[in-house]
Amino acid sequence: MKVVLVKVLIWISDECKSLFEVVDGIKKSGNEVGLLLVQDGVFQADKGNPCSKGVMKLGVPVYAARPHVQERGLEGRLTPGVSLVDFGDMVDLAMDKYEMIVSL
């Protein structure tokens, strides 16, 4: 039996209490994982959010939607290592870079 590994993009639009379990499970299967924070999900990358350190310790690329960060006044407050992306970049992530999307 051939095992097929995929690149999984997790799309987070709100607070997700099961995020760490989901990422851990996907990574344990040998798959690559990336996080895309959109809407209120961008608060998870705010330095003042207690979850932000845990998100960065997951060891996966973390992307935050620039327009949603700006709308919430979080510019300059993001945890180091978070990549800001515009809508075109989000389409590229979803259509080209990652093969599967999980929405939380």
Protein backbone atom coordinates (compact mmCIF):
# COMPACT_ATOMS: atom_id res chain seq x y z
CA MET A 1 0.00 0.00 0.00
CA LYS A 2 1.43 3.36 -1.05
CA VAL A 3 1.11 6.20 1.46
CA VAL A 4 0.39 9.56 -0.15
CA LEU A 5 1.43 12.61 1.83
CA VAL A 6 -0.16 15.98 1.19
CA LYS A 7 0.40 19.60 2.07
CA VAL A 8 -2.51 20.72 4.26
CA LEU A 9 -3.50 24.36 4.76
CA ILE A 10 -5.58 24.97 7.88
CA TRP A 11 -7.84 27.98 7.41
CA ILE A 12 -8.73 29.52 10.79
CA SER A 13 -11.45 32.14 10.91
CA ASP A 14 -12.16 32.15 14.64
CA GLU A 15 -10.71 30.93 17.90
CA CYS A 16 -10.09 27.22 17.63
CA LYS A 17 -9.59 25.26 20.82
CA SER A 18 -8.71 22.06 18.93
CA LEU A 19 -6.06 23.68 16.71
CA PHE A 20 -3.10 22.09 18.47
CA GLU A 21 -4.62 18.61 18.34
CA VAL A 22 -5.54 18.96 14.66
CA VAL A 23 -2.08 20.20 13.63
CA ASP A 24 -0.37 17.51 15.71
CA GLY A 25 -2.50 14.77 14.15
CA ILE A 26 -1.84 15.95 10.60
CA LYS A 27 1.90 16.30 11.22
CA LYS A 28 2.12 12.84 12.83
CA SER A 29 0.75 11.42 9.58
CA GLY A 30 3.80 12.89 7.84
CA ASN A 31 1.89 15.65 6.07
CA GLU A 32 3.08 19.25 5.75
CA VAL A 33 0.91 21.84 7.48
CA GLY A 34 0.46 25.59 7.11
CA LEU A 35 -1.88 27.90 9.03
CA LEU A 36 -3.81 30.71 7.36
CA LEU A 37 -5.36 33.11 9.86
CA VAL A 38 -8.32 35.08 8.53
CA GLN A 39 -11.09 37.22 10.02
CA ASP A 40 -10.96 36.97 13.84
CA GLY A 41 -8.47 34.11 13.53
CA VAL A 42 -5.74 36.78 13.15
CA PHE A 43 -6.03 37.43 16.89
CA GLN A 44 -4.18 34.13 17.42
CA ALA A 45 -1.06 35.84 16.02
CA ASP A 46 -1.37 38.89 18.31
CA LYS A 47 1.57 39.12 20.73
CA GLY A 48 -0.92 39.88 23.50
CA ASN A 49 -2.87 36.67 22.93
CA PRO A 50 -1.72 33.82 25.20
CA CYS A 51 -2.26 31.35 22.30
CA SER A 52 0.20 33.10 19.97
CA LYS A 53 3.29 31.50 21.52
CA GLY A 54 1.70 28.06 21.18
CA VAL A 55 0.79 28.73 17.56
CA MET A 56 4.39 29.61 16.74
CA LYS A 57 5.72 26.56 18.63
CA LEU A 58 3.78 24.31 16.24
CA GLY A 59 6.69 24.67 13.84
CA VAL A 60 4.55 25.30 10.77
CA PRO A 61 4.31 28.33 8.45
CA VAL A 62 1.79 30.84 9.77
CA TYR A 63 0.12 33.29 7.39
CA ALA A 64 -2.23 36.12 8.40
CA ALA A 65 -4.55 37.97 6.04
CA ARG A 66 -3.16 41.51 5.86
CA PRO A 67 -6.59 43.17 5.32
CA HIS A 68 -8.01 41.41 8.38
CA VAL A 69 -4.96 42.34 10.49
CA GLN A 70 -5.35 45.98 9.42
CA GLU A 71 -9.12 46.01 10.08
CA ARG A 72 -8.49 44.86 13.64
CA GLY A 73 -5.64 47.30 14.32
CA LEU A 74 -3.07 44.55 14.84
CA GLU A 75 -0.34 45.97 12.62
CA GLY A 76 2.89 45.95 14.60
CA ARG A 77 1.40 43.58 17.18
CA LEU A 78 1.97 40.27 15.41
CA THR A 79 4.24 37.58 16.79
CA PRO A 80 7.54 37.43 14.87
CA GLY A 81 7.49 34.81 12.13
CA VAL A 82 3.95 35.44 10.92
CA SER A 83 3.79 36.19 7.19
CA LEU A 84 1.25 38.79 6.10
CA VAL A 85 -0.57 37.86 2.90
CA ASP A 86 -2.97 39.71 0.63
CA PHE A 87 -6.00 38.13 -1.05
CA GLY A 88 -4.01 37.16 -4.14
CA ASP A 89 -1.46 35.40 -1.94
CA MET A 90 -4.28 33.57 -0.14
CA VAL A 91 -5.53 32.26 -3.49
CA ASP A 92 -2.00 31.11 -4.36
CA LEU A 93 -1.69 29.30 -1.02
CA ALA A 94 -5.04 27.57 -1.46
CA MET A 95 -4.71 26.73 -5.15
CA ASP A 96 -0.98 26.19 -5.72
CA LYS A 97 1.10 25.71 -2.57
CA TYR A 98 -1.22 23.42 -0.57
CA GLU A 99 -3.20 20.44 -1.80
CA MET A 100 -5.89 20.24 0.87
CA ILE A 101 -7.68 22.85 2.98
CA VAL A 102 -9.13 22.22 6.43
CA SER A 103 -11.37 25.00 7.74
CA LEU A 104 -11.63 25.47 11.51
